[in-house]
Amino acid sequence: MKEISWDKAVEPASPYPYVLAVTLDKNGKPNIIGLGWWTITSWNPRMIAISVGHSRYSHECLDHCGEFVLCFPSEEQAKGAWLCGKTTGREIDKFARGGFKRAPSTVVKPPIIDGYTVAFECRVIKKTETGDHTLHRGSSCHTRLA
């Protein structure tokens, strides 16, 4: 792994494909959510937002942890990535079931999914209720390229 700039990290991340966000539950257990609703909201300062349904276990985890890692899965991780958007972490360990390995993050507590293509480590700085979802806006404090 090597450190890269925000500009270099955004290139392979476009045009905003399906991603995985990792956060932690109240017991420190990592949880992965599959997301299609995410976006870059600011270039300076660097900010990314993810939209998560109020009823989702991941919403509860984000409220507790206040941090997430946005990981762009590799082609080899496609099957496990899809599972993360179809099942709940309340009932299963998505890392184990999806065949993912954890790698330590640099500046946030949730782990990175080993084998990702690009990862953004983020701290939630603002939440906005948007009907049945909450938009969690995070400052991107660290970017990585696998």
Protein backbone atom coordinates (compact mmCIF):
# COMPACT_ATOMS: atom_id res chain seq x y z
CA MET A 1 0.00 0.00 0.00
CA LYS A 2 1.12 3.54 -0.62
CA GLU A 3 -0.13 6.96 0.41
CA ILE A 4 -1.65 9.02 -2.40
CA SER A 5 -3.14 12.47 -2.89
CA TRP A 6 -6.87 13.19 -2.87
CA ASP A 7 -6.72 14.00 -6.61
CA LYS A 8 -5.12 10.64 -7.45
CA ALA A 9 -7.57 8.76 -5.21
CA VAL A 10 -10.62 10.31 -6.88
CA GLU A 11 -9.61 9.28 -10.42
CA PRO A 12 -10.19 5.52 -10.06
CA ALA A 13 -13.16 6.20 -7.77
CA SER A 14 -15.20 7.91 -10.51
CA PRO A 15 -17.96 7.65 -11.73
CA TYR A 16 -19.15 6.86 -8.20
CA PRO A 17 -19.65 3.11 -8.29
CA TYR A 18 -21.04 0.79 -5.64
CA VAL A 19 -18.84 1.07 -2.55
CA LEU A 20 -18.43 -0.44 0.89
CA ALA A 21 -18.37 1.62 4.08
CA VAL A 22 -16.87 0.16 7.25
CA THR A 23 -17.85 1.46 10.67
CA LEU A 24 -17.94 0.03 14.21
CA ASP A 25 -20.82 -1.00 16.45
CA LYS A 26 -21.06 -0.09 20.15
CA ASN A 27 -18.96 -3.15 21.04
CA GLY A 28 -16.18 -2.27 18.58
CA LYS A 29 -17.21 -4.94 16.03
CA PRO A 30 -16.64 -3.79 12.44
CA ASN A 31 -19.66 -3.67 10.16
CA ILE A 32 -19.69 -3.25 6.37
CA ILE A 33 -22.54 -1.65 4.42
CA GLY A 34 -22.87 -1.73 0.64
CA LEU A 35 -23.75 1.71 -0.73
CA GLY A 36 -24.78 3.23 -4.01
CA TRP A 37 -25.71 6.56 -2.43
CA TRP A 38 -22.49 8.42 -1.81
CA THR A 39 -20.83 11.52 -3.24
CA ILE A 40 -17.98 13.95 -2.94
CA THR A 41 -19.50 17.11 -1.42
CA SER A 42 -16.46 19.41 -1.25
CA TRP A 43 -12.99 19.54 -2.72
CA ASN A 44 -11.62 22.03 -0.18
CA PRO A 45 -12.04 20.97 2.51
CA ARG A 46 -12.20 17.38 1.31
CA MET A 47 -15.59 15.90 2.17
CA ILE A 48 -17.58 12.81 1.25
CA ALA A 49 -21.19 12.00 2.17
CA ILE A 50 -22.92 8.65 2.47
CA SER A 51 -26.67 8.16 2.74
CA VAL A 52 -27.88 5.43 5.12
CA GLY A 53 -31.45 4.40 5.94
CA HIS A 54 -32.66 5.14 9.48
CA SER A 55 -33.68 1.53 10.08
CA ARG A 56 -30.31 0.10 9.08
CA TYR A 57 -27.90 -1.42 11.58
CA SER A 58 -25.14 0.61 9.90
CA HIS A 59 -27.01 3.82 10.80
CA GLU A 60 -26.86 2.78 14.44
CA CYS A 61 -23.14 2.00 14.08
CA LEU A 62 -22.40 5.35 12.44
CA ASP A 63 -24.27 7.18 15.21
CA HIS A 64 -22.14 5.37 17.77
CA CYS A 65 -18.74 5.46 16.03
CA GLY A 66 -18.84 8.73 14.09
CA GLU A 67 -16.26 7.43 11.61
CA PHE A 68 -16.24 5.34 8.46
CA VAL A 69 -13.89 4.06 5.80
CA LEU A 70 -15.22 4.21 2.26
CA CYS A 71 -13.65 1.32 0.32
CA PHE A 72 -13.93 0.66 -3.39
CA PRO A 73 -13.94 -3.13 -3.76
CA SER A 74 -11.76 -4.89 -6.29
CA GLU A 75 -13.27 -7.09 -8.98
CA GLU A 76 -12.30 -10.16 -6.95
CA GLN A 77 -14.40 -8.84 -4.05
CA ALA A 78 -17.60 -8.40 -6.08
CA LYS A 79 -19.53 -11.35 -4.62
CA GLY A 80 -18.70 -10.43 -1.02
CA ALA A 81 -19.43 -6.76 -1.74
CA TRP A 82 -22.90 -7.57 -3.01
CA LEU A 83 -23.60 -9.62 0.12
CA CYS A 84 -22.83 -6.51 2.23
CA GLY A 85 -25.69 -4.63 0.61
CA LYS A 86 -28.17 -7.50 0.96
CA THR A 87 -27.69 -8.65 4.57
CA THR A 88 -27.56 -7.07 8.01
CA GLY A 89 -24.55 -6.96 10.29
CA ARG A 90 -26.91 -7.42 13.24
CA GLU A 91 -27.07 -11.10 12.38
CA ILE A 92 -23.81 -11.94 10.61
CA ASP A 93 -20.15 -10.95 10.52
CA LYS A 94 -19.90 -9.53 7.00
CA PHE A 95 -16.09 -9.65 7.05
CA ALA A 96 -16.20 -13.42 7.62
CA ARG A 97 -19.19 -14.18 5.38
CA GLY A 98 -17.95 -11.95 2.54
CA GLY A 99 -14.43 -13.37 2.64
CA PHE A 100 -12.86 -10.03 3.56
CA LYS A 101 -9.71 -9.43 5.59
CA ARG A 102 -9.21 -6.41 7.82
CA ALA A 103 -6.30 -4.01 7.52
CA PRO A 104 -5.62 -1.23 10.01
CA SER A 105 -6.65 2.31 9.15
CA THR A 106 -4.24 5.18 9.61
CA VAL A 107 -6.37 7.83 11.34
CA VAL A 108 -9.81 6.35 12.13
CA LYS A 109 -10.88 3.35 14.23
CA PRO A 110 -12.83 1.28 11.66
CA PRO A 111 -10.57 -1.05 9.67
CA ILE A 112 -9.96 -0.93 5.95
CA ILE A 113 -11.00 -3.88 3.79
CA ASP A 114 -7.76 -5.46 2.59
CA GLY A 115 -7.59 -5.71 -1.20
CA TYR A 116 -9.59 -2.51 -1.87
CA THR A 117 -8.76 -0.35 -4.90
CA VAL A 118 -9.13 3.06 -3.19
CA ALA A 119 -10.05 3.91 0.42
CA PHE A 120 -11.07 7.16 2.11
CA GLU A 121 -10.87 7.36 5.91
CA CYS A 122 -13.53 9.78 7.16
CA ARG A 123 -14.83 11.37 10.35
CA VAL A 124 -18.51 12.34 10.39
CA ILE A 125 -18.74 16.10 10.88
CA LYS A 126 -22.42 16.66 10.10
CA LYS A 127 -25.59 14.63 9.73
CA THR A 128 -28.63 15.76 7.76
CA GLU A 129 -31.98 13.98 7.95
CA THR A 130 -33.34 13.44 4.45
CA GLY A 131 -36.65 11.64 4.84
CA ASP A 132 -36.01 7.97 5.58
CA HIS A 133 -32.22 8.35 5.29
CA THR A 134 -29.50 10.36 6.98
CA LEU A 135 -26.74 11.96 4.97
CA HIS A 136 -23.53 11.48 6.96
CA ARG A 137 -21.03 14.06 5.78
CA GLY A 138 -17.47 13.10 6.55
CA SER A 139 -14.20 14.94 6.28
CA SER A 140 -11.79 12.77 4.35
CA CYS A 141 -8.75 12.80 6.55
CA HIS A 142 -6.73 10.15 4.74
CA THR A 143 -6.71 8.51 1.29
CA ARG A 144 -5.04 5.29 0.15
CA LEU A 145 -4.48 3.36 -3.04
CA ALA A 146 -3.92 -0.39 -2.85
